[in-house]
Amino acid sequence: MYSIDNDVAVAGVAGCEGAAMVVVSGELDIAATPQLKACILGHVVAGRRHLLVDLSAVTFIDSTAIGVLVSAAVNLPQAGGGSLVVVCAPENARVLRIFDIVGVASTIGLYHSREQAQAANTSLPCGALLLSVDQRGRYVNALFRLTGRPGPGGGDCGGGAGETARTNFVIAHGLIVEWIRAPDDPGDNGGSTAPGTPEVLPPSGPTV
């Protein structure tokens, strides 16, 4: 059995009108995944694009539910600079272990408390718009245009709005398992240097 509470007051989510919190409990398996997906989509359609999903009371989560969270975490930044972060209390070792095994720590911002998640979300000034994707050996290279980001912590991207940035992804079994900051291509942002060596981000990875 599972429960997805879609009516949690949003005032506590960084004080932002465009934010919402979803609290899940019980077994988050293939039977529960459609409701989770519908819940997230409902918030996005309603204009709430900064989502905090609290899994502290979840007793089990499978790959289908994690896939929904990964998809939202990757796609929301392109939807007007949105974001999705996940909370799971440190006492919930079983669910944290599943996330560790699946290997999505560099894709989903995973925090031990709502306060930590909200603080991290307010530190991200940039949004991003996906421009193109191509395969480069083991990597999928994605080109983004940086944008200002509305909502908590949002801003003008430190003056970088309008510039482009590249990211290399390693995808296995339909999931992003590695997220690597990539150098500019020749001609990106008016540059002319040859491509450099990708920089592997720290294990904690970026949050979106």
Protein backbone atom coordinates (compact mmCIF):
# COMPACT_ATOMS: atom_id res chain seq x y z
CA MET A 1 0.00 0.00 0.00
CA TYR A 2 1.08 3.55 -0.63
CA SER A 3 -0.06 7.12 -0.04
CA ILE A 4 0.76 10.22 -2.08
CA ASP A 5 -0.27 13.43 -0.33
CA ASN A 6 -0.75 16.08 -2.99
CA ASP A 7 -2.33 18.64 -0.68
CA VAL A 8 0.61 19.60 1.50
CA ALA A 9 0.78 23.34 2.12
CA VAL A 10 3.23 24.91 -0.30
CA ALA A 11 4.03 27.91 1.88
CA GLY A 12 6.84 25.96 3.51
CA VAL A 13 8.63 25.31 0.23
CA ALA A 14 11.01 28.24 0.15
CA GLY A 15 8.02 30.58 0.38
CA CYS A 16 7.46 30.41 -3.36
CA GLU A 17 4.07 30.48 -5.08
CA GLY A 18 5.50 28.32 -7.87
CA ALA A 19 6.55 25.54 -5.50
CA ALA A 20 4.88 22.41 -4.17
CA MET A 21 5.70 19.57 -1.85
CA VAL A 22 4.63 15.96 -2.41
CA VAL A 23 4.83 13.57 0.55
CA VAL A 24 4.86 9.86 -0.22
CA SER A 25 4.59 6.90 2.14
CA GLY A 26 4.45 3.12 1.82
CA GLU A 27 5.62 1.11 -1.19
CA LEU A 28 6.36 3.23 -4.24
CA ASP A 29 6.30 0.49 -6.88
CA ILE A 30 4.95 0.04 -10.42
CA ALA A 31 1.36 0.25 -9.12
CA ALA A 32 1.98 3.63 -7.49
CA THR A 33 4.13 5.13 -10.26
CA PRO A 34 1.24 6.37 -12.48
CA GLN A 35 -0.21 8.38 -9.59
CA LEU A 36 3.22 9.83 -8.77
CA LYS A 37 3.72 10.82 -12.41
CA ALA A 38 0.22 12.34 -12.60
CA CYS A 39 0.83 14.26 -9.39
CA ILE A 40 4.07 15.79 -10.68
CA LEU A 41 2.53 16.60 -14.06
CA GLY A 42 -0.47 18.20 -12.36
CA HIS A 43 1.77 20.58 -10.45
CA VAL A 44 3.72 21.49 -13.58
CA VAL A 45 0.55 22.20 -15.57
CA ALA A 46 -0.68 24.37 -12.70
CA GLY A 47 2.51 26.42 -12.86
CA ARG A 48 4.22 24.91 -9.83
CA ARG A 49 7.60 23.95 -11.29
CA HIS A 50 9.73 23.81 -8.13
CA LEU A 51 8.93 20.46 -6.54
CA LEU A 52 10.10 18.83 -3.34
CA VAL A 53 9.28 15.12 -3.06
CA ASP A 54 9.57 13.76 0.48
CA LEU A 55 10.23 9.99 0.54
CA SER A 56 11.13 9.75 4.23
CA ALA A 57 8.11 7.52 4.96
CA VAL A 58 8.55 5.31 1.87
CA THR A 59 9.35 1.68 2.68
CA PHE A 60 10.31 0.63 -0.86
CA ILE A 61 10.89 2.32 -4.22
CA ASP A 62 11.45 0.56 -7.54
CA SER A 63 13.12 1.62 -10.78
CA THR A 64 9.89 2.79 -12.43
CA ALA A 65 9.26 5.36 -9.69
CA ILE A 66 12.91 6.44 -9.70
CA GLY A 67 12.62 6.84 -13.47
CA VAL A 68 9.71 9.27 -13.01
CA LEU A 69 11.78 11.33 -10.58
CA VAL A 70 14.84 11.31 -12.87
CA SER A 71 12.73 12.40 -15.84
CA ALA A 72 11.23 15.28 -13.87
CA ALA A 73 14.61 16.33 -12.47
CA VAL A 74 16.10 16.46 -15.98
CA ASN A 75 13.14 18.07 -17.77
CA LEU A 76 11.87 20.62 -15.24
CA PRO A 77 14.86 22.97 -15.64
CA GLN A 78 13.80 23.32 -19.28
CA ALA A 79 10.23 24.18 -18.25
CA GLY A 80 10.79 27.80 -17.31
CA GLY A 81 13.68 27.04 -14.98
CA GLY A 82 11.94 24.50 -12.76
CA SER A 83 13.52 22.03 -10.36
CA LEU A 84 12.89 18.80 -8.46
CA VAL A 85 14.64 17.69 -5.28
CA VAL A 86 14.08 14.61 -3.16
CA VAL A 87 14.15 14.27 0.62
CA CYS A 88 14.78 10.98 2.41
CA ALA A 89 15.58 10.92 6.12
CA PRO A 90 18.91 9.28 7.04
CA GLU A 91 17.02 6.75 9.15
CA ASN A 92 15.46 5.35 5.97
CA ALA A 93 18.54 3.32 5.05
CA ARG A 94 16.64 0.90 2.79
CA VAL A 95 15.40 3.53 0.35
CA LEU A 96 18.70 5.42 0.42
CA ARG A 97 20.47 2.16 -0.41
CA ILE A 98 18.20 1.64 -3.44
CA PHE A 99 19.06 5.11 -4.72
CA ASP A 100 22.74 4.30 -4.21
CA ILE A 101 22.47 1.01 -6.14
CA VAL A 102 20.61 2.63 -9.04
CA GLY A 103 23.27 5.33 -9.23
CA VAL A 104 21.28 8.51 -9.82
CA ALA A 105 22.91 10.68 -7.17
CA SER A 106 24.40 12.96 -9.83
CA THR A 107 20.99 13.44 -11.49
CA ILE A 108 18.59 13.88 -8.57
CA GLY A 109 19.27 16.25 -5.71
CA LEU A 110 18.85 13.93 -2.69
CA TYR A 111 18.80 15.44 0.80
CA HIS A 112 18.22 14.23 4.35
CA SER A 113 15.83 17.00 5.37
CA ARG A 114 13.41 19.47 3.83
CA GLU A 115 15.50 22.34 5.17
CA GLN A 116 18.61 21.07 3.35
CA ALA A 117 16.70 20.62 0.10
CA GLN A 118 15.18 24.09 0.24
CA ALA A 119 18.54 25.69 1.02
CA ALA A 120 20.14 23.93 -1.96
CA ASN A 121 17.33 24.94 -4.28
CA THR A 122 17.64 28.61 -3.37
CA SER A 123 21.34 28.51 -4.33
CA LEU A 124 20.69 27.81 -8.04
CA PRO A 125 20.38 31.04 -10.06
CA CYS A 126 20.22 29.53 -13.58
CA GLY A 127 17.69 27.75 -15.72
CA ALA A 128 18.54 25.95 -18.96
CA LEU A 129 16.93 25.33 -22.34
CA LEU A 130 17.96 22.20 -24.25
CA LEU A 131 19.14 23.07 -27.78
CA SER A 132 20.63 19.85 -29.20
CA VAL A 133 21.83 16.34 -28.35
CA ASP A 134 24.33 14.06 -30.10
CA GLN A 135 26.17 10.82 -29.35
CA ARG A 136 29.93 11.09 -28.74
CA GLY A 137 31.39 7.69 -27.97
CA ARG A 138 30.10 6.60 -24.57
CA TYR A 139 28.67 10.04 -23.92
CA VAL A 140 25.46 11.76 -24.93
CA ASN A 141 26.46 15.41 -25.36
CA ALA A 142 23.75 17.98 -24.66
CA LEU A 143 23.94 21.67 -25.49
CA PHE A 144 21.94 24.05 -23.26
CA ARG A 145 21.28 27.78 -23.37
CA LEU A 146 21.44 29.30 -19.89
CA THR A 147 18.47 31.38 -18.82
CA GLY A 148 17.39 33.40 -15.85
CA ARG A 149 15.44 31.35 -13.33
CA PRO A 150 12.27 32.57 -11.63
CA GLY A 151 11.28 31.34 -8.22
CA PRO A 152 13.31 30.69 -5.06
CA GLY A 153 16.95 31.56 -5.54
CA GLY A 154 16.39 32.48 -9.17
CA GLY A 155 18.04 35.40 -10.83
CA ASP A 156 19.83 36.53 -13.96
CA CYS A 157 22.25 33.58 -13.87
CA GLY A 158 25.07 35.84 -12.77
CA GLY A 159 25.02 37.63 -16.10
CA GLY A 160 25.41 34.32 -17.94
CA ALA A 161 21.89 34.20 -19.37
CA GLY A 162 22.03 33.70 -23.12
CA GLU A 163 25.34 31.84 -23.06
CA THR A 164 25.55 28.12 -23.80
CA ALA A 165 26.90 25.22 -21.76
CA ARG A 166 27.50 21.55 -22.53
CA THR A 167 26.95 18.45 -20.43
CA ASN A 168 27.93 14.85 -21.14
CA PHE A 169 25.60 12.11 -19.90
CA VAL A 170 26.28 8.40 -19.52
CA ILE A 171 23.00 6.51 -19.90
CA ALA A 172 22.52 2.86 -18.91
CA HIS A 173 19.26 0.91 -18.92
CA GLY A 174 17.33 4.07 -19.65
CA LEU A 175 18.73 5.96 -16.66
CA ILE A 176 21.32 8.72 -16.43
CA VAL A 177 24.10 7.19 -14.33
CA GLU A 178 26.76 9.88 -14.76
CA TRP A 179 26.57 13.62 -15.34
CA ILE A 180 29.75 15.31 -16.54
CA ARG A 181 30.44 18.97 -17.21
CA ALA A 182 31.75 19.16 -20.79
CA PRO A 183 33.99 21.82 -22.38
CA ASP A 184 32.71 24.15 -25.06
CA ASP A 185 32.91 23.07 -28.67
CA PRO A 186 34.85 25.31 -31.04
CA GLY A 187 32.63 28.27 -31.78
CA ASP A 188 30.51 27.99 -28.63
CA ASN A 189 30.03 31.39 -27.00
CA GLY A 190 32.26 32.98 -29.63
CA GLY A 191 35.27 30.85 -28.68
CA SER A 192 37.73 29.13 -31.00
CA THR A 193 39.67 26.73 -28.78
CA ALA A 194 39.78 22.98 -29.37
CA PRO A 195 37.62 20.75 -27.19
CA GLY A 196 39.11 19.98 -23.79
CA THR A 197 38.76 17.10 -21.37
CA PRO A 198 35.38 16.61 -19.68
CA GLU A 199 35.33 17.48 -15.98
CA VAL A 200 33.67 14.90 -13.74
CA LEU A 201 31.45 16.56 -11.16
CA PRO A 202 31.72 15.61 -7.46
CA PRO A 203 29.67 12.57 -6.35
CA SER A 204 26.97 14.79 -4.87
CA GLY A 205 26.32 16.17 -8.35
CA PRO A 206 24.25 19.16 -9.34
CA THR A 207 20.67 19.67 -8.25
CA VAL A 208 17.97 20.96 -10.44
